[in-house]
N, C-alpha and C. Protein backbone atom coordinates (compact mmCIF):
# COMPACT_ATOMS: atom_id res chain seq x y z
N UNK A 1 -9.43 -30.63 32.26
CA UNK A 1 -8.90 -30.21 30.99
C UNK A 1 -9.44 -28.82 30.66
N UNK A 2 -8.58 -27.87 30.27
CA UNK A 2 -9.04 -26.52 29.98
C UNK A 2 -9.86 -26.48 28.69
N UNK A 3 -10.67 -25.43 28.56
CA UNK A 3 -11.46 -25.24 27.35
C UNK A 3 -10.55 -25.08 26.14
N UNK A 4 -11.06 -25.51 24.98
CA UNK A 4 -10.30 -25.37 23.74
C UNK A 4 -10.33 -23.95 23.23
N UNK A 5 -11.34 -23.19 23.66
CA UNK A 5 -11.50 -21.80 23.23
C UNK A 5 -11.85 -20.94 24.43
N UNK A 6 -11.17 -19.81 24.56
CA UNK A 6 -11.55 -18.82 25.57
C UNK A 6 -12.33 -17.73 24.84
N UNK A 7 -13.48 -17.36 25.37
CA UNK A 7 -14.32 -16.36 24.72
C UNK A 7 -14.32 -15.06 25.54
N UNK A 8 -14.21 -13.95 24.80
CA UNK A 8 -14.19 -12.63 25.42
C UNK A 8 -15.18 -11.72 24.68
N UNK A 9 -15.73 -10.74 25.37
CA UNK A 9 -16.53 -9.70 24.74
C UNK A 9 -15.78 -8.40 24.86
N UNK A 10 -15.58 -7.74 23.72
CA UNK A 10 -14.91 -6.44 23.69
C UNK A 10 -15.94 -5.36 23.42
N UNK A 11 -15.72 -4.16 23.94
CA UNK A 11 -16.63 -3.04 23.74
C UNK A 11 -16.43 -2.34 22.41
N UNK A 12 -15.26 -2.57 21.80
CA UNK A 12 -14.95 -1.90 20.54
C UNK A 12 -14.02 -2.78 19.71
N UNK A 13 -13.79 -2.35 18.46
CA UNK A 13 -12.87 -3.08 17.60
C UNK A 13 -11.51 -3.17 18.26
N UNK A 14 -10.88 -4.34 18.18
CA UNK A 14 -9.56 -4.47 18.80
C UNK A 14 -8.51 -3.64 18.08
N UNK A 15 -7.68 -2.97 18.85
CA UNK A 15 -6.56 -2.23 18.27
C UNK A 15 -5.32 -3.12 18.30
N UNK A 16 -4.20 -2.59 17.85
CA UNK A 16 -2.97 -3.38 17.77
C UNK A 16 -2.55 -3.92 19.13
N UNK A 17 -2.67 -3.12 20.17
CA UNK A 17 -2.28 -3.57 21.51
C UNK A 17 -3.16 -4.73 21.98
N UNK A 18 -4.45 -4.65 21.69
CA UNK A 18 -5.37 -5.72 22.07
C UNK A 18 -5.06 -7.00 21.31
N UNK A 19 -4.78 -6.87 20.01
CA UNK A 19 -4.45 -8.05 19.19
C UNK A 19 -3.17 -8.70 19.70
N UNK A 20 -2.18 -7.89 20.04
CA UNK A 20 -0.94 -8.42 20.60
C UNK A 20 -1.22 -9.17 21.89
N UNK A 21 -2.05 -8.59 22.75
CA UNK A 21 -2.42 -9.22 24.01
C UNK A 21 -3.16 -10.54 23.79
N UNK A 22 -4.08 -10.57 22.81
CA UNK A 22 -4.81 -11.80 22.51
C UNK A 22 -3.87 -12.88 21.99
N UNK A 23 -2.90 -12.50 21.17
CA UNK A 23 -1.91 -13.47 20.68
C UNK A 23 -1.09 -14.03 21.83
N UNK A 24 -0.67 -13.17 22.74
CA UNK A 24 0.11 -13.62 23.90
C UNK A 24 -0.72 -14.55 24.79
N UNK A 25 -1.98 -14.19 25.02
CA UNK A 25 -2.87 -15.00 25.85
C UNK A 25 -3.08 -16.37 25.22
N UNK A 26 -3.33 -16.42 23.92
CA UNK A 26 -3.55 -17.69 23.23
C UNK A 26 -2.30 -18.57 23.30
N UNK A 27 -1.14 -17.96 23.10
CA UNK A 27 0.11 -18.71 23.14
C UNK A 27 0.41 -19.23 24.54
N UNK A 28 0.27 -18.37 25.52
CA UNK A 28 0.56 -18.73 26.91
C UNK A 28 -0.37 -19.83 27.41
N UNK A 29 -1.67 -19.70 27.09
CA UNK A 29 -2.66 -20.65 27.58
C UNK A 29 -2.82 -21.86 26.66
N UNK A 30 -2.17 -21.82 25.50
CA UNK A 30 -2.24 -22.91 24.51
C UNK A 30 -3.67 -23.24 24.10
N UNK A 31 -4.48 -22.18 23.93
CA UNK A 31 -5.86 -22.32 23.46
C UNK A 31 -6.16 -21.19 22.48
N UNK A 32 -7.19 -21.37 21.68
CA UNK A 32 -7.64 -20.28 20.83
C UNK A 32 -8.43 -19.30 21.68
N UNK A 33 -8.35 -18.02 21.30
CA UNK A 33 -9.11 -16.97 21.98
C UNK A 33 -10.06 -16.37 20.96
N UNK A 34 -11.34 -16.32 21.32
CA UNK A 34 -12.37 -15.76 20.45
C UNK A 34 -12.89 -14.49 21.09
N UNK A 35 -12.71 -13.38 20.40
CA UNK A 35 -13.14 -12.08 20.93
C UNK A 35 -14.27 -11.54 20.07
N UNK A 36 -15.43 -11.28 20.69
CA UNK A 36 -16.58 -10.71 20.01
C UNK A 36 -16.50 -9.19 20.14
N UNK A 37 -16.83 -8.48 19.05
CA UNK A 37 -16.82 -7.02 19.12
C UNK A 37 -17.84 -6.44 18.15
N UNK A 38 -18.36 -5.24 18.45
CA UNK A 38 -19.33 -4.61 17.56
C UNK A 38 -18.64 -4.01 16.34
N UNK A 39 -19.32 -4.11 15.19
CA UNK A 39 -18.80 -3.51 13.96
C UNK A 39 -19.99 -3.10 13.10
N UNK A 40 -20.19 -1.82 12.97
CA UNK A 40 -21.31 -1.25 12.22
C UNK A 40 -22.62 -1.88 12.66
N UNK A 41 -23.31 -2.63 11.81
CA UNK A 41 -24.62 -3.17 12.16
C UNK A 41 -24.58 -4.64 12.58
N UNK A 42 -23.41 -5.13 12.93
CA UNK A 42 -23.29 -6.55 13.24
C UNK A 42 -22.30 -6.79 14.37
N UNK A 43 -22.24 -7.99 14.81
CA UNK A 43 -21.25 -8.42 15.80
C UNK A 43 -20.24 -9.29 15.04
N UNK A 44 -18.97 -9.04 15.22
CA UNK A 44 -17.93 -9.84 14.57
C UNK A 44 -17.12 -10.58 15.62
N UNK A 45 -16.37 -11.56 15.14
CA UNK A 45 -15.51 -12.35 16.02
C UNK A 45 -14.10 -12.36 15.46
N UNK A 46 -13.15 -12.23 16.33
CA UNK A 46 -11.75 -12.36 15.99
C UNK A 46 -11.26 -13.59 16.74
N UNK A 47 -10.78 -14.59 16.01
CA UNK A 47 -10.29 -15.82 16.64
C UNK A 47 -8.78 -15.87 16.47
N UNK A 48 -8.08 -16.01 17.58
CA UNK A 48 -6.62 -16.03 17.60
C UNK A 48 -6.17 -17.41 18.05
N UNK A 49 -5.35 -18.06 17.21
CA UNK A 49 -4.86 -19.40 17.55
C UNK A 49 -3.61 -19.30 18.41
N UNK A 50 -3.25 -20.38 19.08
CA UNK A 50 -2.03 -20.37 19.89
C UNK A 50 -0.77 -20.12 19.06
N UNK A 51 -0.85 -20.37 17.74
CA UNK A 51 0.31 -20.11 16.86
C UNK A 51 0.37 -18.66 16.40
N UNK A 52 -0.66 -17.88 16.69
CA UNK A 52 -0.65 -16.47 16.33
C UNK A 52 -1.47 -16.13 15.10
N UNK A 53 -2.11 -17.11 14.49
CA UNK A 53 -2.97 -16.83 13.34
C UNK A 53 -4.24 -16.15 13.83
N UNK A 54 -4.68 -15.13 13.10
CA UNK A 54 -5.87 -14.37 13.47
C UNK A 54 -6.89 -14.51 12.33
N UNK A 55 -8.13 -14.86 12.68
CA UNK A 55 -9.19 -15.00 11.69
C UNK A 55 -10.34 -14.09 12.09
N UNK A 56 -10.79 -13.27 11.13
CA UNK A 56 -11.93 -12.39 11.33
C UNK A 56 -13.16 -13.10 10.80
N UNK A 57 -14.19 -13.23 11.64
CA UNK A 57 -15.40 -13.96 11.27
C UNK A 57 -16.64 -13.10 11.43
N UNK A 58 -17.57 -13.31 10.54
CA UNK A 58 -18.93 -12.82 10.69
C UNK A 58 -19.76 -14.08 10.73
N UNK A 59 -20.61 -14.33 9.77
CA UNK A 59 -21.29 -15.61 9.68
C UNK A 59 -20.40 -16.65 9.01
N UNK A 60 -19.51 -16.16 8.18
CA UNK A 60 -18.53 -17.01 7.50
C UNK A 60 -17.18 -16.32 7.62
N UNK A 61 -16.11 -17.03 7.32
CA UNK A 61 -14.77 -16.45 7.39
C UNK A 61 -14.64 -15.30 6.39
N UNK A 62 -14.17 -14.16 6.84
CA UNK A 62 -13.97 -13.02 5.97
C UNK A 62 -12.51 -12.89 5.54
N UNK A 63 -11.63 -13.06 6.51
CA UNK A 63 -10.23 -12.83 6.22
C UNK A 63 -9.38 -13.53 7.28
N UNK A 64 -8.24 -14.03 6.85
CA UNK A 64 -7.30 -14.69 7.75
C UNK A 64 -5.99 -13.92 7.73
N UNK A 65 -5.41 -13.72 8.91
CA UNK A 65 -4.14 -13.02 9.03
C UNK A 65 -3.12 -13.99 9.60
N UNK A 66 -2.09 -14.29 8.86
CA UNK A 66 -1.07 -15.23 9.31
C UNK A 66 -0.23 -14.63 10.42
N UNK A 67 0.47 -15.51 11.14
CA UNK A 67 1.27 -15.06 12.28
C UNK A 67 2.37 -14.10 11.87
N UNK A 68 2.75 -14.09 10.59
CA UNK A 68 3.80 -13.18 10.14
C UNK A 68 3.29 -11.74 10.00
N UNK A 69 1.97 -11.56 10.00
CA UNK A 69 1.42 -10.21 9.89
C UNK A 69 1.39 -9.56 11.26
N UNK A 70 1.77 -8.31 11.30
CA UNK A 70 1.86 -7.61 12.58
C UNK A 70 0.48 -7.26 13.10
N UNK A 71 0.41 -7.03 14.40
CA UNK A 71 -0.83 -6.60 15.02
C UNK A 71 -1.31 -5.28 14.43
N UNK A 72 -0.39 -4.40 14.07
CA UNK A 72 -0.74 -3.12 13.45
C UNK A 72 -1.42 -3.33 12.11
N UNK A 73 -0.91 -4.27 11.29
CA UNK A 73 -1.51 -4.56 9.99
C UNK A 73 -2.94 -5.09 10.16
N UNK A 74 -3.12 -5.94 11.16
CA UNK A 74 -4.44 -6.51 11.39
C UNK A 74 -5.40 -5.43 11.87
N UNK A 75 -4.97 -4.60 12.81
CA UNK A 75 -5.81 -3.52 13.33
C UNK A 75 -6.21 -2.57 12.21
N UNK A 76 -5.29 -2.26 11.31
CA UNK A 76 -5.59 -1.39 10.16
C UNK A 76 -6.65 -2.02 9.26
N UNK A 77 -6.54 -3.33 9.02
CA UNK A 77 -7.51 -4.03 8.18
C UNK A 77 -8.89 -4.04 8.83
N UNK A 78 -8.95 -4.12 10.15
CA UNK A 78 -10.24 -4.11 10.84
C UNK A 78 -10.93 -2.76 10.74
N UNK A 79 -10.16 -1.70 10.61
CA UNK A 79 -10.74 -0.36 10.46
C UNK A 79 -11.32 -0.16 9.07
N UNK A 80 -10.78 -0.90 8.08
CA UNK A 80 -11.19 -0.74 6.68
C UNK A 80 -12.48 -1.30 6.42
């Protein structure tokens, strides 16, 4: 049985192309994808569900992006 979550380490904040790729990977593999990336003085996690929902996490949930939101919108929010 495959893992319920695939974990990745990114060298930088995910851009729109990376978010699109993570959504496709999660959907294709039918698992959530958790990507760790550096952000200012901390490490953050972006969790992408197989349905396309994206959640930005630190120690607690910061923000959730529904599947209707574009990868560009999410990437812009991560820069803010």
